[in-house]
């Protein structure tokens, strides 16, 4: 029993590493992470004056990256993006293809999943405050790619793209960070008690 409790606390692990290692596990986790992101993208609420809706997709992408680690998280979001480009209708609101002005956010999600996954391997998912910082960094990466892409795709000025593609989402992002502050550190506490 003490060996099981000691293993999860070891640095360098993410939650997915607690499952028995195999290629089948990794494949299932990558595909499952892509599917979770696609499902969460269907929770989409239009934002007046913005071509970018509020979705559950960014939260799912960051959760996938944190739980799976950098490599599997990046692969998961790459599968999600490639399937959507190929016509799978699982981008926000059932969209697909590369021509959307919000596609930059999907590129940003791939990079963010890798970044938060790397931080999770360093224990960032084990305390509430570190998890909040990790989520906010992931969101910042998504916006750093998504907002300029939005400006280029729509011809908006930088200030208009910020007003349409960043500002309306800040409160929701704070709520997502707060949710992650509770979920992931609690999962580790639960695992460590077993």
Protein backbone atom coordinates (compact mmCIF):
# COMPACT_ATOMS: atom_id res chain seq x y z
CA UNK A 1 0.00 0.00 0.00
CA UNK A 2 2.83 2.46 0.76
CA UNK A 3 4.40 1.85 -2.66
CA UNK A 4 1.16 2.81 -4.40
CA UNK A 5 0.85 5.98 -2.32
CA UNK A 6 4.48 6.99 -2.94
CA UNK A 7 4.41 6.51 -6.71
CA UNK A 8 1.93 9.30 -7.63
CA UNK A 9 3.84 11.89 -5.61
CA UNK A 10 7.02 11.30 -7.60
CA UNK A 11 8.06 14.33 -9.64
CA UNK A 12 7.84 13.92 -13.39
CA UNK A 13 4.47 12.16 -13.43
CA UNK A 14 1.18 13.43 -14.81
CA UNK A 15 -2.17 11.85 -13.99
CA UNK A 16 -2.18 9.74 -17.17
CA UNK A 17 1.09 8.11 -16.11
CA UNK A 18 -0.75 6.37 -13.26
CA UNK A 19 -2.40 4.04 -15.79
CA UNK A 20 -0.43 0.94 -16.86
CA UNK A 21 2.00 1.97 -19.61
CA UNK A 22 1.46 0.71 -23.16
CA UNK A 23 1.08 2.00 -26.69
CA UNK A 24 -2.61 1.14 -26.48
CA UNK A 25 -2.93 3.35 -23.38
CA UNK A 26 -1.16 6.25 -25.06
CA UNK A 27 -3.24 5.92 -28.24
CA UNK A 28 -6.48 5.75 -26.24
CA UNK A 29 -5.46 8.78 -24.18
CA UNK A 30 -4.57 10.84 -27.27
CA UNK A 31 -7.81 9.93 -29.06
CA UNK A 32 -9.82 10.42 -25.88
CA UNK A 33 -8.29 13.86 -25.34
CA UNK A 34 -9.16 14.85 -28.91
CA UNK A 35 -12.73 13.58 -28.46
CA UNK A 36 -13.13 15.41 -25.14
CA UNK A 37 -11.98 18.64 -26.77
CA UNK A 38 -14.37 18.10 -29.68
CA UNK A 39 -17.29 17.46 -27.33
CA UNK A 40 -16.43 20.47 -25.16
CA UNK A 41 -16.31 22.65 -28.29
CA UNK A 42 -20.00 21.94 -28.80
CA UNK A 43 -20.72 23.96 -25.68
CA UNK A 44 -20.67 27.23 -27.62
CA UNK A 45 -22.32 30.51 -26.75
CA UNK A 46 -22.13 33.30 -29.35
CA UNK A 47 -20.59 36.58 -28.23
CA UNK A 48 -22.30 39.64 -29.74
CA UNK A 49 -19.89 41.48 -32.04
CA UNK A 50 -17.34 38.66 -32.10
CA UNK A 51 -16.82 35.77 -34.52
CA UNK A 52 -15.39 33.80 -31.55
CA UNK A 53 -17.90 32.07 -29.25
CA UNK A 54 -17.44 31.19 -25.59
CA UNK A 55 -16.79 27.43 -25.53
CA UNK A 56 -15.70 24.62 -23.26
CA UNK A 57 -13.00 23.78 -25.79
CA UNK A 58 -10.16 25.82 -24.26
CA UNK A 59 -10.78 24.37 -20.81
CA UNK A 60 -10.79 20.85 -22.25
CA UNK A 61 -7.60 21.49 -24.22
CA UNK A 62 -5.78 22.74 -21.11
CA UNK A 63 -7.16 19.91 -19.00
CA UNK A 64 -6.02 17.38 -21.62
CA UNK A 65 -2.54 18.88 -21.73
CA UNK A 66 -2.22 18.92 -17.96
CA UNK A 67 -3.54 15.41 -17.41
CA UNK A 68 -1.71 13.77 -20.34
CA UNK A 69 1.59 15.66 -20.34
CA UNK A 70 3.23 17.69 -23.06
CA UNK A 71 3.74 15.05 -25.75
CA UNK A 72 0.38 13.30 -25.48
CA UNK A 73 -1.42 16.61 -24.92
CA UNK A 74 0.10 18.11 -28.07
CA UNK A 75 -0.71 14.96 -30.06
CA UNK A 76 -4.29 15.01 -28.77
CA UNK A 77 -4.85 18.58 -29.87
CA UNK A 78 -3.10 17.91 -33.19
CA UNK A 79 -5.50 15.00 -33.82
CA UNK A 80 -8.39 17.29 -32.88
CA UNK A 81 -7.16 19.99 -35.29
CA UNK A 82 -6.36 17.62 -38.17
CA UNK A 83 -9.70 15.82 -37.90
CA UNK A 84 -11.50 19.18 -37.89
CA UNK A 85 -9.52 20.36 -40.90
CA UNK A 86 -10.43 17.11 -42.67
CA UNK A 87 -14.14 17.82 -42.16
CA UNK A 88 -15.05 16.36 -38.75
CA UNK A 89 -17.68 18.84 -37.48
CA UNK A 90 -16.30 19.21 -33.98
CA UNK A 91 -14.89 22.71 -33.85
CA UNK A 92 -16.98 25.24 -31.95
CA UNK A 93 -20.62 24.96 -32.88
CA UNK A 94 -20.10 21.98 -35.20
CA UNK A 95 -17.80 23.83 -37.61
CA UNK A 96 -14.91 22.25 -39.49
CA UNK A 97 -12.17 23.31 -41.90
CA UNK A 98 -9.35 25.80 -41.76
CA UNK A 99 -11.14 28.90 -43.04
CA UNK A 100 -12.60 30.06 -39.72
CA UNK A 101 -11.32 33.34 -38.26
CA UNK A 102 -11.04 31.54 -34.91
CA UNK A 103 -8.71 28.80 -36.21
CA UNK A 104 -5.73 30.55 -34.60
CA UNK A 105 -7.14 29.67 -31.20
CA UNK A 106 -6.96 25.99 -32.15
CA UNK A 107 -3.29 26.39 -33.10
CA UNK A 108 -2.76 28.17 -29.79
CA UNK A 109 -4.48 25.29 -27.95
CA UNK A 110 -1.96 22.83 -29.37
CA UNK A 111 0.94 24.94 -28.08
CA UNK A 112 -0.80 25.59 -24.77
CA UNK A 113 -1.50 21.88 -24.20
CA UNK A 114 2.22 21.15 -24.63
CA UNK A 115 3.20 24.00 -22.29
CA UNK A 116 0.79 23.11 -19.48
CA UNK A 117 1.69 19.44 -19.88
CA UNK A 118 5.36 20.26 -19.41
CA UNK A 119 4.53 22.30 -16.31
CA UNK A 120 2.37 19.47 -14.94
CA UNK A 121 5.39 17.15 -15.20
CA UNK A 122 7.12 19.60 -12.86
CA UNK A 123 4.26 19.39 -10.36
CA UNK A 124 2.25 22.45 -11.39
CA UNK A 125 -0.99 20.46 -11.18
CA UNK A 126 -0.53 19.48 -7.54
CA UNK A 127 -1.34 22.74 -5.78
CA UNK A 128 -4.23 25.13 -6.31
CA UNK A 129 -2.17 28.29 -6.86
CA UNK A 130 0.35 26.68 -9.19
CA UNK A 131 -2.53 25.16 -11.14
CA UNK A 132 -4.19 28.57 -11.48
CA UNK A 133 -0.95 30.04 -12.80
CA UNK A 134 -0.54 27.13 -15.22
CA UNK A 135 -4.06 27.60 -16.58
CA UNK A 136 -3.60 31.34 -16.97
CA UNK A 137 -0.31 30.78 -18.81
CA UNK A 138 -2.06 28.29 -21.11
CA UNK A 139 -4.83 30.80 -21.79
CA UNK A 140 -2.24 33.49 -22.53
CA UNK A 141 -0.58 31.22 -25.10
CA UNK A 142 -3.95 30.57 -26.77
CA UNK A 143 -4.65 34.30 -27.01
CA UNK A 144 -1.11 35.10 -28.17
CA UNK A 145 -1.82 33.02 -31.29
CA UNK A 146 -5.60 33.37 -31.59
CA UNK A 147 -5.97 37.15 -31.39
CA UNK A 148 -3.37 38.03 -34.08
CA UNK A 149 -4.79 35.26 -36.30
CA UNK A 150 -8.27 36.74 -35.79
CA UNK A 151 -6.98 40.17 -36.78
CA UNK A 152 -5.31 38.82 -39.93
CA UNK A 153 -8.25 36.61 -40.93
CA UNK A 154 -10.85 39.35 -40.54
CA UNK A 155 -8.85 42.49 -41.31
CA UNK A 156 -9.56 43.84 -37.82
CA UNK A 157 -7.18 46.27 -36.21
CA UNK A 158 -5.21 44.99 -33.23
CA UNK A 159 -7.45 46.87 -30.79
CA UNK A 160 -10.61 45.55 -32.47
CA UNK A 161 -9.26 41.98 -32.39
CA UNK A 162 -8.47 42.35 -28.68
CA UNK A 163 -11.95 43.74 -28.04
CA UNK A 164 -13.61 40.90 -30.00
CA UNK A 165 -11.26 38.01 -29.29
CA UNK A 166 -9.85 38.56 -25.78
CA UNK A 167 -11.75 40.99 -23.56
CA UNK A 168 -15.14 39.18 -23.57
CA UNK A 169 -13.49 35.97 -22.41
CA UNK A 170 -11.46 37.11 -19.40
CA UNK A 171 -14.10 36.43 -16.74
CA UNK A 172 -14.75 32.97 -18.16
CA UNK A 173 -11.03 32.24 -18.18
CA UNK A 174 -10.78 33.20 -14.52
CA UNK A 175 -13.63 30.78 -13.77
CA UNK A 176 -11.90 28.02 -15.76
CA UNK A 177 -8.69 28.60 -13.80
CA UNK A 178 -10.64 28.43 -10.54
CA UNK A 179 -12.27 25.17 -11.62
CA UNK A 180 -8.89 23.68 -12.52
CA UNK A 181 -7.54 24.85 -9.14
CA UNK A 182 -10.04 22.50 -7.56
CA UNK A 183 -10.10 19.55 -9.95
CA UNK A 184 -6.47 18.61 -10.57
CA UNK A 185 -4.92 19.12 -7.12
CA UNK A 186 -7.91 17.25 -5.65
CA UNK A 187 -7.34 14.38 -8.08
CA UNK A 188 -3.72 14.13 -6.90
CA UNK A 189 -4.80 14.18 -3.24
CA UNK A 190 -7.27 11.40 -3.94
CA UNK A 191 -4.64 9.33 -5.75
CA UNK A 192 -2.08 9.85 -2.99
CA UNK A 193 -4.56 8.63 -0.35
CA UNK A 194 -5.11 5.38 -2.21
